[in-house]
Amino acid sequence: MARVGRLSAVSPEVRAAFLKIWIESKQMPLKVGHRPTMALALHVLMPLIPQAEPLRLFRGTSASERSRHHYGFSWSTQRDIAERFAAQASLGPGGAVLLEAVAPIGSVHLRREDEGYYDEGEVVVNPYALRCVEVVAHLAKAGGVDFTPKNGGGVDVRFRERKA
């Protein structure tokens, strides 16, 4: 990825192949292991898309991601989706958080809409460009969370809302 990040451009075929891998693997930044390198490579492999205005985003993640301020590349436009990711993250040590942020103009690489496949409202951003990253809810470690079955068999997680 470091070499890719130094390129000025790649072919549309390479971009299309990378996009498929990104969508299906969901682990690319972890495999690369160096966030600045991944950010540079994304500028080549997933060029920024035009935005008319800043975009409000949500991310459910581990509390440690917030404490380190090392935010991930994939966010969602849908709060309920981010809440589900937070519920998964709560299984690890330290609990989880629901984050809200603003992706300014010129920071979005990909915005996926409802496709009938991985419908997560995913938005791939340059995490270094995010503004106003706030914790809007905390989720205790999974053992201390009220899990209530939903009609669809999923999980309804009771978040503690952050006081304004």
N, C-alpha and C. Protein backbone atom coordinates (compact mmCIF):
# COMPACT_ATOMS: atom_id res chain seq x y z
N MET A 1 0.82 -1.20 0.00
CA MET A 1 0.00 0.00 0.00
C MET A 1 0.86 1.26 0.00
N ALA A 2 2.02 1.19 0.62
CA ALA A 2 2.88 2.37 0.65
C ALA A 2 3.26 2.79 -0.77
N ARG A 3 3.53 1.81 -1.63
CA ARG A 3 3.86 2.13 -3.02
C ARG A 3 2.66 2.71 -3.76
N VAL A 4 1.50 2.17 -3.50
CA VAL A 4 0.28 2.67 -4.15
C VAL A 4 0.06 4.12 -3.75
N GLY A 5 0.26 4.44 -2.48
CA GLY A 5 0.06 5.80 -2.00
C GLY A 5 0.95 6.83 -2.66
N ARG A 6 2.05 6.39 -3.25
CA ARG A 6 2.97 7.31 -3.95
C ARG A 6 2.62 7.50 -5.43
N LEU A 7 1.67 6.71 -5.93
CA LEU A 7 1.25 6.84 -7.32
C LEU A 7 0.35 8.05 -7.50
N SER A 8 0.31 8.58 -8.70
CA SER A 8 -0.60 9.70 -8.97
C SER A 8 -1.99 9.20 -9.38
N ALA A 9 -2.06 7.99 -9.95
CA ALA A 9 -3.35 7.43 -10.38
C ALA A 9 -3.17 5.95 -10.70
N VAL A 10 -4.30 5.25 -10.76
CA VAL A 10 -4.32 3.87 -11.23
C VAL A 10 -5.46 3.74 -12.24
N SER A 11 -5.46 2.66 -12.97
CA SER A 11 -6.48 2.47 -14.01
C SER A 11 -7.86 2.25 -13.39
N PRO A 12 -8.90 2.51 -14.15
CA PRO A 12 -10.27 2.23 -13.67
C PRO A 12 -10.46 0.76 -13.29
N GLU A 13 -9.77 -0.14 -13.98
CA GLU A 13 -9.88 -1.56 -13.66
C GLU A 13 -9.31 -1.87 -12.27
N VAL A 14 -8.19 -1.24 -11.95
CA VAL A 14 -7.58 -1.44 -10.63
C VAL A 14 -8.50 -0.86 -9.56
N ARG A 15 -9.07 0.31 -9.81
CA ARG A 15 -10.01 0.91 -8.85
C ARG A 15 -11.21 0.00 -8.61
N ALA A 16 -11.76 -0.55 -9.69
CA ALA A 16 -12.93 -1.42 -9.57
C ALA A 16 -12.58 -2.69 -8.78
N ALA A 17 -11.42 -3.25 -9.04
CA ALA A 17 -10.99 -4.45 -8.32
C ALA A 17 -10.78 -4.14 -6.83
N PHE A 18 -10.16 -2.99 -6.55
CA PHE A 18 -9.94 -2.60 -5.15
C PHE A 18 -11.27 -2.38 -4.44
N LEU A 19 -12.21 -1.74 -5.10
CA LEU A 19 -13.51 -1.48 -4.49
C LEU A 19 -14.20 -2.78 -4.08
N LYS A 20 -14.14 -3.77 -4.95
CA LYS A 20 -14.75 -5.07 -4.64
C LYS A 20 -14.08 -5.69 -3.42
N ILE A 21 -12.77 -5.64 -3.35
CA ILE A 21 -12.05 -6.18 -2.19
C ILE A 21 -12.42 -5.40 -0.93
N TRP A 22 -12.49 -4.08 -1.03
CA TRP A 22 -12.84 -3.25 0.13
C TRP A 22 -14.21 -3.64 0.68
N ILE A 23 -15.18 -3.75 -0.21
CA ILE A 23 -16.55 -4.04 0.21
C ILE A 23 -16.67 -5.44 0.81
N GLU A 24 -16.01 -6.40 0.22
CA GLU A 24 -16.18 -7.77 0.67
C GLU A 24 -15.30 -8.16 1.85
N SER A 25 -14.15 -7.53 2.01
CA SER A 25 -13.25 -7.97 3.09
C SER A 25 -13.48 -7.22 4.39
N LYS A 26 -13.77 -5.93 4.33
CA LYS A 26 -14.03 -5.09 5.50
C LYS A 26 -12.85 -5.01 6.48
N GLN A 27 -11.71 -5.54 6.11
CA GLN A 27 -10.58 -5.56 7.04
C GLN A 27 -9.31 -4.93 6.46
N MET A 28 -9.42 -4.26 5.36
CA MET A 28 -8.25 -3.73 4.68
C MET A 28 -7.37 -2.86 5.58
N PRO A 29 -7.91 -1.87 6.28
CA PRO A 29 -7.03 -1.04 7.12
C PRO A 29 -6.29 -1.84 8.20
N LEU A 30 -6.94 -2.84 8.76
CA LEU A 30 -6.28 -3.66 9.77
C LEU A 30 -5.16 -4.49 9.15
N LYS A 31 -5.38 -4.99 7.94
CA LYS A 31 -4.35 -5.78 7.26
C LYS A 31 -3.15 -4.91 6.89
N VAL A 32 -3.42 -3.67 6.48
CA VAL A 32 -2.32 -2.75 6.14
C VAL A 32 -1.55 -2.39 7.41
N GLY A 33 -2.28 -2.13 8.49
CA GLY A 33 -1.64 -1.90 9.78
C GLY A 33 -1.02 -0.53 10.00
N HIS A 34 -1.20 0.38 9.07
CA HIS A 34 -0.65 1.73 9.21
C HIS A 34 -1.65 2.70 8.60
N ARG A 35 -2.39 3.38 9.46
CA ARG A 35 -3.49 4.23 9.01
C ARG A 35 -3.06 5.34 8.05
N PRO A 36 -1.95 6.04 8.29
CA PRO A 36 -1.55 7.08 7.33
C PRO A 36 -1.27 6.51 5.93
N THR A 37 -0.68 5.33 5.88
CA THR A 37 -0.43 4.69 4.58
C THR A 37 -1.74 4.34 3.90
N MET A 38 -2.70 3.83 4.67
CA MET A 38 -4.00 3.49 4.10
C MET A 38 -4.70 4.74 3.57
N ALA A 39 -4.60 5.84 4.31
CA ALA A 39 -5.24 7.09 3.87
C ALA A 39 -4.64 7.56 2.55
N LEU A 40 -3.32 7.48 2.41
CA LEU A 40 -2.68 7.90 1.16
C LEU A 40 -3.08 6.98 0.00
N ALA A 41 -3.14 5.69 0.26
CA ALA A 41 -3.52 4.73 -0.79
C ALA A 41 -4.97 4.95 -1.22
N LEU A 42 -5.84 5.28 -0.27
CA LEU A 42 -7.24 5.52 -0.64
C LEU A 42 -7.39 6.69 -1.60
N HIS A 43 -6.54 7.70 -1.46
CA HIS A 43 -6.63 8.84 -2.38
C HIS A 43 -6.35 8.42 -3.82
N VAL A 44 -5.61 7.35 -3.98
CA VAL A 44 -5.30 6.85 -5.32
C VAL A 44 -6.35 5.82 -5.76
N LEU A 45 -6.66 4.89 -4.87
CA LEU A 45 -7.54 3.77 -5.22
C LEU A 45 -9.02 4.11 -5.18
N MET A 46 -9.38 5.11 -4.38
CA MET A 46 -10.77 5.54 -4.23
C MET A 46 -10.78 7.06 -4.19
N PRO A 47 -10.66 7.70 -5.33
CA PRO A 47 -10.58 9.16 -5.33
C PRO A 47 -11.79 9.79 -4.64
N LEU A 48 -11.60 10.98 -4.10
CA LEU A 48 -12.67 11.70 -3.41
C LEU A 48 -13.84 11.94 -4.35
N ILE A 49 -15.04 11.87 -3.79
CA ILE A 49 -16.23 12.12 -4.59
C ILE A 49 -16.75 13.53 -4.29
N PRO A 50 -17.43 14.14 -5.25
CA PRO A 50 -17.96 15.48 -5.01
C PRO A 50 -19.04 15.47 -3.92
N GLN A 51 -19.01 16.48 -3.09
CA GLN A 51 -20.01 16.67 -2.04
C GLN A 51 -20.51 18.10 -2.13
N ALA A 52 -21.81 18.27 -2.03
CA ALA A 52 -22.38 19.62 -2.04
C ALA A 52 -22.30 20.26 -0.66
N GLU A 53 -22.30 19.42 0.37
CA GLU A 53 -22.27 19.93 1.74
C GLU A 53 -21.65 18.90 2.66
N PRO A 54 -21.26 19.31 3.86
CA PRO A 54 -20.72 18.34 4.83
C PRO A 54 -21.75 17.25 5.12
N LEU A 55 -21.26 16.11 5.55
CA LEU A 55 -22.11 14.93 5.74
C LEU A 55 -22.06 14.50 7.21
N ARG A 56 -23.23 14.28 7.81
CA ARG A 56 -23.32 13.80 9.20
C ARG A 56 -23.21 12.28 9.19
N LEU A 57 -22.28 11.76 10.00
CA LEU A 57 -22.00 10.33 10.01
C LEU A 57 -22.02 9.76 11.43
N PHE A 58 -22.19 8.42 11.51
CA PHE A 58 -22.18 7.71 12.77
C PHE A 58 -21.24 6.51 12.66
N ARG A 59 -20.68 6.13 13.81
CA ARG A 59 -19.81 4.96 13.86
C ARG A 59 -19.95 4.31 15.23
N GLY A 60 -20.22 3.01 15.23
CA GLY A 60 -20.22 2.23 16.45
C GLY A 60 -18.89 1.52 16.55
N THR A 61 -18.19 1.72 17.66
CA THR A 61 -16.84 1.19 17.77
C THR A 61 -16.45 0.98 19.22
N SER A 62 -15.27 0.47 19.41
CA SER A 62 -14.77 0.25 20.77
C SER A 62 -14.48 1.58 21.44
N ALA A 63 -14.59 1.59 22.75
CA ALA A 63 -14.26 2.79 23.51
C ALA A 63 -12.79 3.15 23.34
N SER A 64 -11.95 2.15 23.11
CA SER A 64 -10.52 2.43 22.95
C SER A 64 -10.23 3.21 21.66
N GLU A 65 -11.03 3.00 20.61
CA GLU A 65 -10.83 3.78 19.38
C GLU A 65 -11.03 5.26 19.69
N ARG A 66 -12.05 5.55 20.47
CA ARG A 66 -12.30 6.95 20.84
C ARG A 66 -11.19 7.50 21.73
N SER A 67 -10.76 6.73 22.71
CA SER A 67 -9.74 7.24 23.63
C SER A 67 -8.42 7.51 22.92
N ARG A 68 -8.12 6.74 21.88
CA ARG A 68 -6.89 6.96 21.10
C ARG A 68 -7.08 7.99 20.00
N HIS A 69 -8.32 8.31 19.67
CA HIS A 69 -8.65 9.22 18.56
C HIS A 69 -8.10 8.71 17.23
N HIS A 70 -8.08 7.38 17.09
CA HIS A 70 -7.67 6.74 15.85
C HIS A 70 -8.92 6.18 15.19
N TYR A 71 -9.65 7.03 14.53
CA TYR A 71 -10.95 6.65 13.98
C TYR A 71 -10.80 5.84 12.70
N GLY A 72 -11.78 4.97 12.47
CA GLY A 72 -11.78 4.12 11.29
C GLY A 72 -12.18 4.86 10.04
N PHE A 73 -12.04 4.18 8.92
CA PHE A 73 -12.34 4.75 7.61
C PHE A 73 -13.81 4.60 7.23
N SER A 74 -14.48 3.58 7.75
CA SER A 74 -15.88 3.30 7.38
C SER A 74 -16.83 3.81 8.45
N TRP A 75 -17.75 4.66 8.03
CA TRP A 75 -18.78 5.23 8.89
C TRP A 75 -20.11 4.95 8.23
N SER A 76 -21.19 5.38 8.85
CA SER A 76 -22.52 5.16 8.28
C SER A 76 -23.35 6.42 8.37
N THR A 77 -24.24 6.58 7.43
CA THR A 77 -25.21 7.67 7.49
C THR A 77 -26.39 7.28 8.37
N GLN A 78 -26.45 6.01 8.77
CA GLN A 78 -27.59 5.49 9.52
C GLN A 78 -27.20 5.18 10.96
N ARG A 79 -27.80 5.90 11.89
CA ARG A 79 -27.48 5.70 13.30
C ARG A 79 -27.76 4.27 13.76
N ASP A 80 -28.86 3.68 13.35
CA ASP A 80 -29.20 2.33 13.80
C ASP A 80 -28.16 1.30 13.37
N ILE A 81 -27.57 1.50 12.22
CA ILE A 81 -26.50 0.59 11.76
C ILE A 81 -25.29 0.76 12.67
N ALA A 82 -24.92 2.00 12.97
CA ALA A 82 -23.78 2.25 13.86
C ALA A 82 -24.03 1.67 15.25
N GLU A 83 -25.26 1.72 15.71
CA GLU A 83 -25.60 1.13 17.01
C GLU A 83 -25.35 -0.37 17.01
N ARG A 84 -25.65 -1.02 15.90
CA ARG A 84 -25.39 -2.47 15.80
C ARG A 84 -23.89 -2.76 15.86
N PHE A 85 -23.10 -1.93 15.20
CA PHE A 85 -21.65 -2.12 15.27
C PHE A 85 -21.13 -1.88 16.68
N ALA A 86 -21.72 -0.92 17.38
CA ALA A 86 -21.33 -0.66 18.77
C ALA A 86 -21.67 -1.88 19.64
N ALA A 87 -22.82 -2.49 19.39
CA ALA A 87 -23.20 -3.68 20.15
C ALA A 87 -22.18 -4.79 19.95
N GLN A 88 -21.70 -4.96 18.73
CA GLN A 88 -20.66 -5.97 18.47
C GLN A 88 -19.36 -5.59 19.18
N ALA A 89 -19.02 -4.32 19.14
CA ALA A 89 -17.77 -3.86 19.77
C ALA A 89 -17.83 -3.98 21.28
N SER A 90 -19.01 -3.98 21.85
CA SER A 90 -19.14 -4.05 23.31
C SER A 90 -18.73 -5.40 23.86
N LEU A 91 -18.57 -6.38 22.99
CA LEU A 91 -18.14 -7.71 23.44
C LEU A 91 -16.69 -7.70 23.88
N GLY A 92 -15.91 -6.73 23.43
CA GLY A 92 -14.51 -6.62 23.81
C GLY A 92 -14.35 -5.86 25.11
N PRO A 93 -13.12 -5.77 25.59
CA PRO A 93 -12.87 -5.06 26.85
C PRO A 93 -13.10 -3.56 26.71
N GLY A 94 -13.61 -2.94 27.75
CA GLY A 94 -13.74 -1.49 27.76
C GLY A 94 -15.05 -0.94 27.25
N GLY A 95 -15.92 -1.78 26.72
CA GLY A 95 -17.19 -1.29 26.22
C GLY A 95 -17.07 -0.66 24.84
N ALA A 96 -18.12 0.06 24.48
CA ALA A 96 -18.20 0.63 23.13
C ALA A 96 -18.83 2.01 23.19
N VAL A 97 -18.72 2.72 22.09
CA VAL A 97 -19.31 4.04 21.97
C VAL A 97 -19.99 4.18 20.62
N LEU A 98 -20.95 5.08 20.59
CA LEU A 98 -21.57 5.50 19.34
C LEU A 98 -21.05 6.90 19.08
N LEU A 99 -20.37 7.06 17.97
CA LEU A 99 -19.79 8.35 17.60
C LEU A 99 -20.62 9.04 16.54
N GLU A 100 -20.60 10.35 16.55
CA GLU A 100 -21.19 11.16 15.51
C GLU A 100 -20.12 12.14 15.06
N ALA A 101 -20.01 12.35 13.76
CA ALA A 101 -18.99 13.25 13.23
C ALA A 101 -19.50 13.94 11.99
N VAL A 102 -18.75 14.94 11.57
CA VAL A 102 -19.03 15.65 10.34
C VAL A 102 -17.89 15.38 9.37
N ALA A 103 -18.26 14.90 8.19
CA ALA A 103 -17.28 14.71 7.11
C ALA A 103 -17.36 15.95 6.23
N PRO A 104 -16.33 16.81 6.31
CA PRO A 104 -16.38 18.03 5.51
C PRO A 104 -16.29 17.76 4.01
N ILE A 105 -16.63 18.75 3.25
CA ILE A 105 -16.49 18.65 1.79
C ILE A 105 -15.04 18.30 1.49
N GLY A 106 -14.85 17.33 0.59
CA GLY A 106 -13.51 16.92 0.20
C GLY A 106 -12.91 15.84 1.08
N SER A 107 -13.74 15.11 1.84
CA SER A 107 -13.20 14.06 2.71
C SER A 107 -13.82 12.68 2.45
N VAL A 108 -14.78 12.60 1.52
CA VAL A 108 -15.49 11.34 1.29
C VAL A 108 -14.95 10.65 0.03
N HIS A 109 -14.58 9.37 0.21
CA HIS A 109 -14.08 8.56 -0.90
C HIS A 109 -15.17 7.72 -1.55
N LEU A 110 -16.14 7.29 -0.74
CA LEU A 110 -17.17 6.39 -1.24
C LEU A 110 -18.43 6.59 -0.40
N ARG A 111 -19.55 6.64 -1.06
CA ARG A 111 -20.84 6.69 -0.35
C ARG A 111 -21.73 5.64 -0.97
N ARG A 112 -21.97 4.58 -0.20
CA ARG A 112 -22.77 3.46 -0.70
C ARG A 112 -24.21 3.64 -0.26
N GLU A 113 -25.09 3.52 -1.21
CA GLU A 113 -26.52 3.62 -0.95
C GLU A 113 -27.10 2.22 -0.83
N ASP A 114 -28.39 2.12 -0.58
CA ASP A 114 -29.08 0.85 -0.45
C ASP A 114 -28.90 0.04 -1.73
N GLU A 115 -28.23 -1.10 -1.61
CA GLU A 115 -27.94 -1.94 -2.77
C GLU A 115 -28.55 -3.33 -2.65
N GLY A 116 -29.16 -3.62 -1.50
CA GLY A 116 -29.65 -4.97 -1.27
C GLY A 116 -28.54 -5.92 -0.88
N TYR A 117 -27.34 -5.38 -0.62
CA TYR A 117 -26.16 -6.18 -0.31
C TYR A 117 -25.29 -5.34 0.60
N TYR A 118 -25.05 -5.79 1.81
CA TYR A 118 -24.29 -5.01 2.80
C TYR A 118 -24.89 -3.62 2.98
N ASP A 119 -26.18 -3.55 3.18
CA ASP A 119 -26.85 -2.25 3.31
C ASP A 119 -26.53 -1.63 4.66
N GLU A 120 -25.45 -0.90 4.71
CA GLU A 120 -25.00 -0.28 5.95
C GLU A 120 -24.92 1.24 5.84
N GLY A 121 -25.32 1.78 4.70
CA GLY A 121 -25.18 3.22 4.51
C GLY A 121 -23.72 3.63 4.64
N GLU A 122 -22.83 2.74 4.19
CA GLU A 122 -21.40 2.96 4.40
C GLU A 122 -20.88 4.19 3.67
N VAL A 123 -20.06 4.94 4.38
CA VAL A 123 -19.35 6.07 3.81
C VAL A 123 -17.89 5.89 4.18
N VAL A 124 -17.04 5.83 3.19
CA VAL A 124 -15.60 5.72 3.43
C VAL A 124 -15.01 7.12 3.39
N VAL A 125 -14.37 7.48 4.48
CA VAL A 125 -13.84 8.83 4.63
C VAL A 125 -12.35 8.80 4.95
N ASN A 126 -11.74 9.96 4.78
CA ASN A 126 -10.40 10.17 5.31
C ASN A 126 -10.59 10.51 6.79
N PRO A 127 -10.25 9.61 7.71
CA PRO A 127 -10.54 9.88 9.12
C PRO A 127 -9.77 11.07 9.68
N TYR A 128 -8.70 11.45 9.03
CA TYR A 128 -7.92 12.61 9.49
C TYR A 128 -8.63 13.93 9.18
N ALA A 129 -9.62 13.88 8.31
CA ALA A 129 -10.34 15.09 7.92
C ALA A 129 -11.64 15.29 8.72
N LEU A 130 -12.06 14.29 9.49
CA LEU A 130 -13.32 14.39 10.22
C LEU A 130 -13.30 15.55 11.20
N ARG A 131 -14.46 16.15 11.38
CA ARG A 131 -14.62 17.27 12.30
C ARG A 131 -15.72 16.95 13.31
N CYS A 132 -15.64 17.58 14.45
CA CYS A 132 -16.70 17.49 15.47
C CYS A 132 -17.03 16.05 15.84
N VAL A 133 -16.02 15.23 16.08
CA VAL A 133 -16.28 13.84 16.48
C VAL A 133 -16.72 13.84 17.94
N GLU A 134 -17.94 13.39 18.17
CA GLU A 134 -18.52 13.40 19.51
C GLU A 134 -19.04 12.01 19.89
N VAL A 135 -18.95 11.70 21.17
CA VAL A 135 -19.58 10.48 21.69
C VAL A 135 -21.03 10.83 21.98
N VAL A 136 -21.96 10.15 21.32
CA VAL A 136 -23.38 10.41 21.55
C VAL A 136 -24.01 9.35 22.45
N ALA A 137 -23.35 8.21 22.62
CA ALA A 137 -23.85 7.17 23.51
C ALA A 137 -22.71 6.25 23.91
N HIS A 138 -22.83 5.71 25.11
CA HIS A 138 -21.88 4.72 25.63
C HIS A 138 -22.59 3.39 25.75
N LEU A 139 -21.87 2.32 25.55
CA LEU A 139 -22.41 0.98 25.71
C LEU A 139 -21.45 0.22 26.61
N ALA A 140 -21.95 -0.21 27.74
CA ALA A 140 -21.12 -0.96 28.68
C ALA A 140 -20.71 -2.29 28.08
N LYS A 141 -19.71 -2.92 28.68
CA LYS A 141 -19.30 -4.25 28.24
C LYS A 141 -20.54 -5.14 28.15
N ALA A 142 -20.58 -6.02 27.19
CA ALA A 142 -21.78 -6.77 26.83
C ALA A 142 -22.50 -7.40 28.03
N GLY A 143 -21.77 -7.83 29.04
CA GLY A 143 -22.41 -8.47 30.18
C GLY A 143 -23.35 -7.54 30.93
N GLY A 144 -23.15 -6.24 30.83
CA GLY A 144 -23.97 -5.30 31.58
C GLY A 144 -24.99 -4.57 30.74
N VAL A 145 -25.28 -5.06 29.55
CA VAL A 145 -26.18 -4.38 28.64
C VAL A 145 -27.54 -5.07 28.63
N ASP A 146 -28.58 -4.29 28.51
CA ASP A 146 -29.93 -4.84 28.39
C ASP A 146 -30.16 -5.19 26.92
N PHE A 147 -30.14 -6.48 26.61
CA PHE A 147 -30.42 -6.93 25.26
C PHE A 147 -31.86 -7.42 25.20
N THR A 148 -32.65 -6.81 24.36
CA THR A 148 -34.05 -7.19 24.22
C THR A 148 -34.28 -7.65 22.79
N PRO A 149 -34.79 -8.88 22.57
CA PRO A 149 -35.03 -9.33 21.20
C PRO A 149 -36.00 -8.41 20.47
N LYS A 150 -35.69 -8.15 19.22
CA LYS A 150 -36.58 -7.37 18.36
C LYS A 150 -37.44 -8.34 17.56
N ASN A 151 -38.44 -7.81 16.89
CA ASN A 151 -39.34 -8.65 16.09
C ASN A 151 -38.59 -9.47 15.06
N GLY A 152 -37.56 -8.88 14.45
CA GLY A 152 -36.82 -9.57 13.40
C GLY A 152 -35.78 -10.54 13.93
N GLY A 153 -35.76 -10.77 15.24
CA GLY A 153 -34.78 -11.70 15.79
C GLY A 153 -33.45 -11.04 16.09
N GLY A 154 -33.34 -9.75 15.81
CA GLY A 154 -32.09 -9.05 16.07
C GLY A 154 -31.98 -8.65 17.52
N VAL A 155 -31.13 -7.72 17.79
CA VAL A 155 -30.89 -7.28 19.15
C VAL A 155 -31.16 -5.80 19.27
N ASP A 156 -31.90 -5.42 20.28
CA ASP A 156 -32.15 -4.01 20.57
C ASP A 156 -31.26 -3.64 21.74
N VAL A 157 -30.32 -2.77 21.52
CA VAL A 157 -29.36 -2.40 22.55
C VAL A 157 -29.79 -1.12 23.22
N ARG A 158 -29.79 -1.10 24.51
CA ARG A 158 -30.17 0.09 25.27
C ARG A 158 -28.91 0.91 25.52
N PHE A 159 -28.80 2.03 24.83
CA PHE A 159 -27.65 2.91 24.98
C PHE A 159 -27.92 3.92 26.08
N ARG A 160 -26.87 4.31 26.76
CA ARG A 160 -26.96 5.44 27.68
C ARG A 160 -26.59 6.67 26.89
N GLU A 161 -27.53 7.53 26.69
CA GLU A 161 -27.29 8.74 25.91
C GLU A 161 -26.39 9.68 26.66
N ARG A 162 -25.50 10.34 25.95
CA ARG A 162 -24.62 11.34 26.52
C ARG A 162 -25.44 12.57 26.85
N LYS A 163 -25.23 13.13 28.03
CA LYS A 163 -25.92 14.34 28.44
C LYS A 163 -25.32 15.54 27.74
N ALA A 164 -26.17 16.41 27.22
CA ALA A 164 -25.68 17.59 26.50
C ALA A 164 -25.23 18.67 27.44
